[in-house]
PDB file of all heavy atoms in Angstrom:
ATOM      1  N   SER A   1       0.804  -1.214  -0.016  1.00  0.00           N
ATOM      2  CA  SER A   1      -0.003  -0.001   0.023  1.00  0.00           C
ATOM      3  C   SER A   1       0.880   1.271  -0.060  1.00  0.00           C
ATOM      4  O   SER A   1       2.081   1.231   0.354  1.00  0.00           O
ATOM      5  CB  SER A   1      -0.892  -0.010   1.246  1.00  0.00           C
ATOM      6  OG  SER A   1      -1.595   1.216   1.393  1.00  0.00           O
ATOM      7  N   LEU A   2       0.257   2.396  -0.341  1.00  0.00           N
ATOM      8  CA  LEU A   2       0.932   3.709  -0.180  1.00  0.00           C
ATOM      9  C   LEU A   2       1.128   4.028   1.269  1.00  0.00           C
ATOM     10  O   LEU A   2       1.929   4.887   1.614  1.00  0.00           O
ATOM     11  CB  LEU A   2       0.106   4.815  -0.836  1.00  0.00           C
ATOM     12  CG  LEU A   2      -0.066   4.790  -2.345  1.00  0.00           C
ATOM     13  CD1 LEU A   2      -1.099   5.775  -2.782  1.00  0.00           C
ATOM     14  CD2 LEU A   2       1.290   5.077  -3.012  1.00  0.00           C
ATOM     15  N   GLU A   3       0.385   3.387   2.118  1.00  0.00           N
ATOM     16  CA  GLU A   3       0.429   3.584   3.572  1.00  0.00           C
ATOM     17  C   GLU A   3       1.836   3.278   4.101  1.00  0.00           C
ATOM     18  O   GLU A   3       2.444   2.283   3.723  1.00  0.00           O
ATOM     19  CB  GLU A   3      -0.598   2.694   4.339  1.00  0.00           C
ATOM     20  CG  GLU A   3      -0.776   3.021   5.753  1.00  0.00           C
ATOM     21  CD  GLU A   3      -1.913   2.218   6.361  1.00  0.00           C
ATOM     22  OE1 GLU A   3      -2.586   1.533   5.608  1.00  0.00           O
ATOM     23  OE2 GLU A   3      -2.167   2.304   7.531  1.00  0.00           O
ATOM     24  N   GLN A   4       2.436   4.170   4.880  1.00  0.00           N
ATOM     25  CA  GLN A   4       3.818   3.989   5.361  1.00  0.00           C
ATOM     26  C   GLN A   4       3.869   3.288   6.752  1.00  0.00           C
ATOM     27  O   GLN A   4       4.885   2.724   7.085  1.00  0.00           O
ATOM     28  CB  GLN A   4       4.509   5.376   5.488  1.00  0.00           C
ATOM     29  CG  GLN A   4       4.626   6.071   4.157  1.00  0.00           C
ATOM     30  CD  GLN A   4       5.437   5.248   3.189  1.00  0.00           C
ATOM     31  OE1 GLN A   4       6.549   4.840   3.430  1.00  0.00           O
ATOM     32  NE2 GLN A   4       4.824   5.034   1.958  1.00  0.00           N
ATOM     33  N   ARG A   5       2.778   3.377   7.483  1.00  0.00           N
ATOM     34  CA  ARG A   5       2.759   2.701   8.811  1.00  0.00           C
ATOM     35  C   ARG A   5       1.500   1.877   8.948  1.00  0.00           C
ATOM     36  O   ARG A   5       0.515   2.119   8.192  1.00  0.00           O
ATOM     37  CB  ARG A   5       2.795   3.786   9.916  1.00  0.00           C
ATOM     38  CG  ARG A   5       4.118   4.535  10.004  1.00  0.00           C
ATOM     39  CD  ARG A   5       4.096   5.424  11.229  1.00  0.00           C
ATOM     40  NE  ARG A   5       5.388   6.130  11.398  1.00  0.00           N
ATOM     41  CZ  ARG A   5       5.640   6.979  12.357  1.00  0.00           C
ATOM     42  NH1 ARG A   5       4.753   7.172  13.278  1.00  0.00           N
ATOM     43  NH2 ARG A   5       6.865   7.578  12.450  1.00  0.00           N
ATOM     44  N   GLY A   6       1.545   0.947   9.896  1.00  0.00           N
ATOM     45  CA  GLY A   6       0.375   0.087  10.113  1.00  0.00           C
ATOM     46  C   GLY A   6       0.753  -1.338   9.857  1.00  0.00           C
ATOM     47  O   GLY A   6       1.579  -1.680   9.033  1.00  0.00           O
ATOM     48  N   GLY A   7       0.048  -2.190  10.595  1.00  0.00           N
ATOM     49  CA  GLY A   7       0.380  -3.637  10.544  1.00  0.00           C
ATOM     50  C   GLY A   7       0.052  -4.280   9.178  1.00  0.00           C
ATOM     51  O   GLY A   7       0.519  -5.399   8.884  1.00  0.00           O
ATOM     52  N   PHE A   8      -0.796  -3.621   8.389  1.00  0.00           N
ATOM     53  CA  PHE A   8      -1.225  -4.192   7.095  1.00  0.00           C
ATOM     54  C   PHE A   8      -0.883  -3.279   5.935  1.00  0.00           C
ATOM     55  O   PHE A   8      -1.536  -3.356   4.942  1.00  0.00           O
ATOM     56  CB  PHE A   8      -2.685  -4.443   7.140  1.00  0.00           C
ATOM     57  CG  PHE A   8      -3.081  -5.500   8.176  1.00  0.00           C
ATOM     58  CD1 PHE A   8      -3.510  -5.143   9.448  1.00  0.00           C
ATOM     59  CD2 PHE A   8      -2.955  -6.852   7.915  1.00  0.00           C
ATOM     60  CE1 PHE A   8      -3.847  -6.069  10.400  1.00  0.00           C
ATOM     61  CE2 PHE A   8      -3.299  -7.802   8.865  1.00  0.00           C
ATOM     62  CZ  PHE A   8      -3.726  -7.384  10.109  1.00  0.00           C
ATOM     63  N   LYS A   9       0.224  -2.556   6.053  1.00  0.00           N
ATOM     64  CA  LYS A   9       0.679  -1.770   4.885  1.00  0.00           C
ATOM     65  C   LYS A   9       1.194  -2.670   3.798  1.00  0.00           C
ATOM     66  O   LYS A   9       1.260  -2.310   2.656  1.00  0.00           O
ATOM     67  CB  LYS A   9       1.794  -0.793   5.375  1.00  0.00           C
ATOM     68  CG  LYS A   9       3.056  -1.449   5.868  1.00  0.00           C
ATOM     69  CD  LYS A   9       4.025  -0.421   6.351  1.00  0.00           C
ATOM     70  CE  LYS A   9       5.289  -1.067   6.932  1.00  0.00           C
ATOM     71  NZ  LYS A   9       6.276  -0.036   7.405  1.00  0.00           N
ATOM     72  N   GLN A  10       1.601  -3.920   4.232  1.00  0.00           N
ATOM     73  CA  GLN A  10       1.965  -4.965   3.263  1.00  0.00           C
ATOM     74  C   GLN A  10       1.200  -6.236   3.651  1.00  0.00           C
ATOM     75  O   GLN A  10       1.092  -6.544   4.820  1.00  0.00           O
ATOM     76  CB  GLN A  10       3.429  -5.271   3.257  1.00  0.00           C
ATOM     77  CG  GLN A  10       4.324  -4.112   2.779  1.00  0.00           C
ATOM     78  CD  GLN A  10       5.808  -4.532   2.682  1.00  0.00           C
ATOM     79  OE1 GLN A  10       6.129  -5.720   2.690  1.00  0.00           O
ATOM     80  NE2 GLN A  10       6.671  -3.599   2.484  1.00  0.00           N
ATOM     81  N   THR A  11       0.599  -6.862   2.684  1.00  0.00           N
ATOM     82  CA  THR A  11      -0.023  -8.169   2.929  1.00  0.00           C
ATOM     83  C   THR A  11       0.413  -9.155   1.885  1.00  0.00           C
ATOM     84  O   THR A  11       0.929  -8.809   0.880  1.00  0.00           O
ATOM     85  CB  THR A  11      -1.582  -8.032   2.861  1.00  0.00           C
ATOM     86  OG1 THR A  11      -1.969  -7.615   1.587  1.00  0.00           O
ATOM     87  CG2 THR A  11      -2.119  -6.996   3.904  1.00  0.00           C
ATOM     88  N   GLU A  12       0.209 -10.438   2.186  1.00  0.00           N
ATOM     89  CA  GLU A  12       0.583 -11.518   1.294  1.00  0.00           C
ATOM     90  C   GLU A  12      -0.677 -12.198   0.717  1.00  0.00           C
ATOM     91  O   GLU A  12      -1.648 -12.392   1.515  1.00  0.00           O
ATOM     92  CB  GLU A  12       1.536 -12.494   1.943  1.00  0.00           C
ATOM     93  CG  GLU A  12       2.887 -11.868   2.281  1.00  0.00           C
ATOM     94  CD  GLU A  12       3.862 -12.852   2.824  1.00  0.00           C
ATOM     95  OE1 GLU A  12       3.529 -14.078   2.982  1.00  0.00           O
ATOM     96  OE2 GLU A  12       5.017 -12.447   3.128  1.00  0.00           O
ATOM     97  N   MET A  13      -0.657 -12.577  -0.510  1.00  0.00           N
ATOM     98  CA  MET A  13      -1.837 -13.227  -1.128  1.00  0.00           C
ATOM     99  C   MET A  13      -1.373 -14.532  -1.743  1.00  0.00           C
ATOM    100  O   MET A  13      -0.495 -14.558  -2.610  1.00  0.00           O
ATOM    101  CB  MET A  13      -2.438 -12.336  -2.181  1.00  0.00           C
ATOM    102  CG  MET A  13      -3.699 -12.919  -2.848  1.00  0.00           C
ATOM    103  SD  MET A  13      -4.445 -11.792  -4.074  1.00  0.00           S
ATOM    104  CE  MET A  13      -5.303 -10.677  -2.933  1.00  0.00           C
ATOM    105  N   GLY A  14      -1.960 -15.626  -1.296  1.00  0.00           N
ATOM    106  CA  GLY A  14      -1.630 -16.895  -1.829  1.00  0.00           C
ATOM    107  C   GLY A  14      -2.194 -17.126  -3.244  1.00  0.00           C
ATOM    108  O   GLY A  14      -3.048 -16.402  -3.722  1.00  0.00           O
ATOM    109  N   ARG A  15      -1.568 -18.088  -3.938  1.00  0.00           N
ATOM    110  CA  ARG A  15      -1.908 -18.319  -5.378  1.00  0.00           C
ATOM    111  C   ARG A  15      -3.415 -18.621  -5.562  1.00  0.00           C
ATOM    112  O   ARG A  15      -3.966 -18.327  -6.604  1.00  0.00           O
ATOM    113  CB  ARG A  15      -1.082 -19.435  -5.865  1.00  0.00           C
ATOM    114  CG  ARG A  15      -1.341 -20.760  -5.252  1.00  0.00           C
ATOM    115  CD  ARG A  15      -0.169 -21.718  -5.346  1.00  0.00           C
ATOM    116  NE  ARG A  15       0.935 -21.276  -4.550  1.00  0.00           N
ATOM    117  CZ  ARG A  15       1.958 -22.116  -4.211  1.00  0.00           C
ATOM    118  NH1 ARG A  15       2.031 -23.334  -4.708  1.00  0.00           N
ATOM    119  NH2 ARG A  15       2.944 -21.665  -3.499  1.00  0.00           N
ATOM    120  N   GLU A  16      -4.030 -19.171  -4.510  1.00  0.00           N
ATOM    121  CA  GLU A  16      -5.473 -19.551  -4.638  1.00  0.00           C
ATOM    122  C   GLU A  16      -6.322 -18.294  -4.848  1.00  0.00           C
ATOM    123  O   GLU A  16      -7.350 -18.325  -5.549  1.00  0.00           O
ATOM    124  CB  GLU A  16      -5.980 -20.373  -3.496  1.00  0.00           C
ATOM    125  CG  GLU A  16      -6.032 -19.678  -2.139  1.00  0.00           C
ATOM    126  CD  GLU A  16      -4.693 -19.728  -1.363  1.00  0.00           C
ATOM    127  OE1 GLU A  16      -3.625 -19.822  -2.001  1.00  0.00           O
ATOM    128  OE2 GLU A  16      -4.752 -19.711  -0.130  1.00  0.00           O
ATOM    129  N   TYR A  17      -5.876 -17.160  -4.258  1.00  0.00           N
ATOM    130  CA  TYR A  17      -6.620 -15.901  -4.399  1.00  0.00           C
ATOM    131  C   TYR A  17      -6.154 -15.180  -5.692  1.00  0.00           C
ATOM    132  O   TYR A  17      -6.938 -14.598  -6.438  1.00  0.00           O
ATOM    133  CB  TYR A  17      -6.389 -14.977  -3.231  1.00  0.00           C
ATOM    134  CG  TYR A  17      -6.954 -15.541  -1.943  1.00  0.00           C
ATOM    135  CD1 TYR A  17      -6.111 -16.088  -0.957  1.00  0.00           C
ATOM    136  CD2 TYR A  17      -8.343 -15.548  -1.685  1.00  0.00           C
ATOM    137  CE1 TYR A  17      -6.673 -16.605   0.209  1.00  0.00           C
ATOM    138  CE2 TYR A  17      -8.839 -15.985  -0.526  1.00  0.00           C
ATOM    139  CZ  TYR A  17      -8.050 -16.539   0.450  1.00  0.00           C
ATOM    140  OH  TYR A  17      -8.502 -17.040   1.586  1.00  0.00           O
ATOM    141  N   VAL A  18      -4.826 -15.249  -5.941  1.00  0.00           N
ATOM    142  CA  VAL A  18      -4.287 -14.511  -7.099  1.00  0.00           C
ATOM    143  C   VAL A  18      -4.968 -15.062  -8.422  1.00  0.00           C
ATOM    144  O   VAL A  18      -5.304 -14.283  -9.291  1.00  0.00           O
ATOM    145  CB  VAL A  18      -2.777 -14.725  -7.231  1.00  0.00           C
ATOM    146  CG1 VAL A  18      -2.221 -14.145  -8.493  1.00  0.00           C
ATOM    147  CG2 VAL A  18      -2.097 -14.085  -5.991  1.00  0.00           C
ATOM    148  N   ARG A  19      -5.178 -16.347  -8.496  1.00  0.00           N
ATOM    149  CA  ARG A  19      -5.706 -16.986  -9.691  1.00  0.00           C
ATOM    150  C   ARG A  19      -7.271 -17.017  -9.742  1.00  0.00           C
ATOM    151  O   ARG A  19      -7.833 -17.488 -10.690  1.00  0.00           O
ATOM    152  CB  ARG A  19      -5.114 -18.355  -9.834  1.00  0.00           C
ATOM    153  CG  ARG A  19      -3.634 -18.369 -10.214  1.00  0.00           C
ATOM    154  CD  ARG A  19      -3.448 -17.798 -11.575  1.00  0.00           C
ATOM    155  NE  ARG A  19      -2.078 -17.365 -11.817  1.00  0.00           N
ATOM    156  CZ  ARG A  19      -1.670 -16.787 -12.944  1.00  0.00           C
ATOM    157  NH1 ARG A  19      -2.529 -16.674 -13.999  1.00  0.00           N
ATOM    158  NH2 ARG A  19      -0.398 -16.350 -13.067  1.00  0.00           N
ATOM    159  N   ASP A  20      -7.897 -16.597  -8.672  1.00  0.00           N
ATOM    160  CA  ASP A  20      -9.327 -16.628  -8.600  1.00  0.00           C
ATOM    161  C   ASP A  20      -9.936 -15.558  -9.567  1.00  0.00           C
ATOM    162  O   ASP A  20      -9.474 -14.409  -9.592  1.00  0.00           O
ATOM    163  CB  ASP A  20      -9.863 -16.412  -7.219  1.00  0.00           C
ATOM    164  CG  ASP A  20     -11.357 -16.812  -7.076  1.00  0.00           C
ATOM    165  OD1 ASP A  20     -12.196 -16.016  -7.532  1.00  0.00           O
ATOM    166  OD2 ASP A  20     -11.602 -17.877  -6.501  1.00  0.00           O
ATOM    167  N   SER A  21     -10.979 -15.960 -10.323  1.00  0.00           N
ATOM    168  CA  SER A  21     -11.572 -15.025 -11.290  1.00  0.00           C
ATOM    169  C   SER A  21     -12.261 -13.858 -10.700  1.00  0.00           C
ATOM    170  O   SER A  21     -12.550 -12.823 -11.362  1.00  0.00           O
ATOM    171  CB  SER A  21     -12.530 -15.768 -12.208  1.00  0.00           C
ATOM    172  OG  SER A  21     -13.573 -16.302 -11.445  1.00  0.00           O
ATOM    173  N   LEU A  22     -12.542 -13.922  -9.426  1.00  0.00           N
ATOM    174  CA  LEU A  22     -13.239 -12.827  -8.696  1.00  0.00           C
ATOM    175  C   LEU A  22     -12.331 -11.824  -8.031  1.00  0.00           C
ATOM    176  O   LEU A  22     -12.754 -10.815  -7.505  1.00  0.00           O
ATOM    177  CB  LEU A  22     -14.206 -13.368  -7.657  1.00  0.00           C
ATOM    178  CG  LEU A  22     -15.372 -14.268  -8.175  1.00  0.00           C
ATOM    179  CD1 LEU A  22     -16.249 -14.705  -7.005  1.00  0.00           C
ATOM    180  CD2 LEU A  22     -16.139 -13.567  -9.255  1.00  0.00           C
ATOM    181  N   THR A  23     -10.994 -12.103  -7.953  1.00  0.00           N
ATOM    182  CA  THR A  23     -10.032 -11.209  -7.383  1.00  0.00           C
ATOM    183  C   THR A  23      -9.706 -10.073  -8.305  1.00  0.00           C
ATOM    184  O   THR A  23      -9.207 -10.288  -9.413  1.00  0.00           O
ATOM    185  CB  THR A  23      -8.764 -11.989  -6.977  1.00  0.00           C
ATOM    186  OG1 THR A  23      -9.094 -13.039  -6.054  1.00  0.00           O
ATOM    187  CG2 THR A  23      -7.745 -11.080  -6.302  1.00  0.00           C
ATOM    188  N   LEU A  24      -9.970  -8.842  -7.830  1.00  0.00           N
ATOM    189  CA  LEU A  24      -9.805  -7.655  -8.662  1.00  0.00           C
ATOM    190  C   LEU A  24      -8.864  -6.628  -8.063  1.00  0.00           C
ATOM    191  O   LEU A  24      -8.776  -6.536  -6.810  1.00  0.00           O
ATOM    192  CB  LEU A  24     -11.136  -7.004  -8.856  1.00  0.00           C
ATOM    193  CG  LEU A  24     -12.295  -7.704  -9.501  1.00  0.00           C
ATOM    194  CD1 LEU A  24     -13.476  -6.762  -9.698  1.00  0.00           C
ATOM    195  CD2 LEU A  24     -11.923  -8.388 -10.813  1.00  0.00           C
ATOM    196  N   VAL A  25      -8.170  -5.911  -8.949  1.00  0.00           N
ATOM    197  CA  VAL A  25      -7.683  -4.609  -8.594  1.00  0.00           C
ATOM    198  C   VAL A  25      -8.829  -3.643  -8.930  1.00  0.00           C
ATOM    199  O   VAL A  25      -9.087  -3.331 -10.049  1.00  0.00           O
ATOM    200  CB  VAL A  25      -6.406  -4.225  -9.400  1.00  0.00           C
ATOM    201  CG1 VAL A  25      -6.037  -2.778  -9.101  1.00  0.00           C
ATOM    202  CG2 VAL A  25      -5.264  -5.128  -8.975  1.00  0.00           C
ATOM    203  N   ALA A  26      -9.581  -3.249  -7.880  1.00  0.00           N
ATOM    204  CA  ALA A  26     -10.825  -2.564  -8.093  1.00  0.00           C
ATOM    205  C   ALA A  26     -10.594  -1.025  -8.276  1.00  0.00           C
ATOM    206  O   ALA A  26      -9.770  -0.458  -7.579  1.00  0.00           O
ATOM    207  CB  ALA A  26     -11.731  -2.723  -6.810  1.00  0.00           C
ATOM    208  N   LEU A  27     -11.297  -0.504  -9.266  1.00  0.00           N
ATOM    209  CA  LEU A  27     -11.238   0.945  -9.606  1.00  0.00           C
ATOM    210  C   LEU A  27     -12.557   1.605  -9.328  1.00  0.00           C
ATOM    211  O   LEU A  27     -12.628   2.833  -9.222  1.00  0.00           O
ATOM    212  CB  LEU A  27     -10.869   1.113 -11.090  1.00  0.00           C
ATOM    213  CG  LEU A  27      -9.639   0.403 -11.573  1.00  0.00           C
ATOM    214  CD1 LEU A  27      -9.473   0.599 -13.103  1.00  0.00           C
ATOM    215  CD2 LEU A  27      -8.389   0.891 -10.819  1.00  0.00           C
ATOM    216  N   GLU A  28     -13.673   0.819  -9.211  1.00  0.00           N
ATOM    217  CA  GLU A  28     -15.007   1.372  -9.025  1.00  0.00           C
ATOM    218  C   GLU A  28     -15.714   0.592  -7.853  1.00  0.00           C
ATOM    219  O   GLU A  28     -15.415  -0.526  -7.658  1.00  0.00           O
ATOM    220  CB  GLU A  28     -15.814   1.344 -10.264  1.00  0.00           C
ATOM    221  CG  GLU A  28     -15.282   2.128 -11.429  1.00  0.00           C
ATOM    222  CD  GLU A  28     -16.132   2.015 -12.720  1.00  0.00           C
ATOM    223  OE1 GLU A  28     -17.291   1.515 -12.566  1.00  0.00           O
ATOM    224  OE2 GLU A  28     -15.652   2.457 -13.764  1.00  0.00           O
ATOM    225  N   LEU A  29     -16.638   1.343  -7.220  1.00  0.00           N
ATOM    226  CA  LEU A  29     -17.410   0.743  -6.147  1.00  0.00           C
ATOM    227  C   LEU A  29     -18.866   1.213  -6.227  1.00  0.00           C
ATOM    228  O   LEU A  29     -19.101   2.433  -6.397  1.00  0.00           O
ATOM    229  CB  LEU A  29     -16.812   1.133  -4.760  1.00  0.00           C
ATOM    230  CG  LEU A  29     -17.684   0.814  -3.529  1.00  0.00           C
ATOM    231  CD1 LEU A  29     -17.968  -0.679  -3.423  1.00  0.00           C
ATOM    232  CD2 LEU A  29     -16.978   1.319  -2.293  1.00  0.00           C
ATOM    233  N   ASN A  30     -19.784   0.260  -6.307  1.00  0.00           N
ATOM    234  CA  ASN A  30     -21.206   0.576  -6.356  1.00  0.00           C
ATOM    235  C   ASN A  30     -21.530   1.543  -7.442  1.00  0.00           C
ATOM    236  O   ASN A  30     -22.321   2.485  -7.293  1.00  0.00           O
ATOM    237  CB  ASN A  30     -21.711   1.089  -4.984  1.00  0.00           C
ATOM    238  CG  ASN A  30     -21.797  -0.071  -3.994  1.00  0.00           C
ATOM    239  OD1 ASN A  30     -21.826  -1.214  -4.325  1.00  0.00           O
ATOM    240  ND2 ASN A  30     -21.830   0.348  -2.691  1.00  0.00           N
ATOM    241  N   GLY A  31     -20.945   1.328  -8.602  1.00  0.00           N
ATOM    242  CA  GLY A  31     -21.267   2.117  -9.826  1.00  0.00           C
ATOM    243  C   GLY A  31     -20.581   3.405  -9.964  1.00  0.00           C
ATOM    244  O   GLY A  31     -20.827   4.192 -10.925  1.00  0.00           O
TER     245      GLY A  31
END
């Protein structure tokens, strides 16, 4: 993340999520 502090400024994503067809880099929310 752009966030510089915080316990979740970096997270790890397993291959099962990376390859899932529903996993998005989201640009829009609720239209």
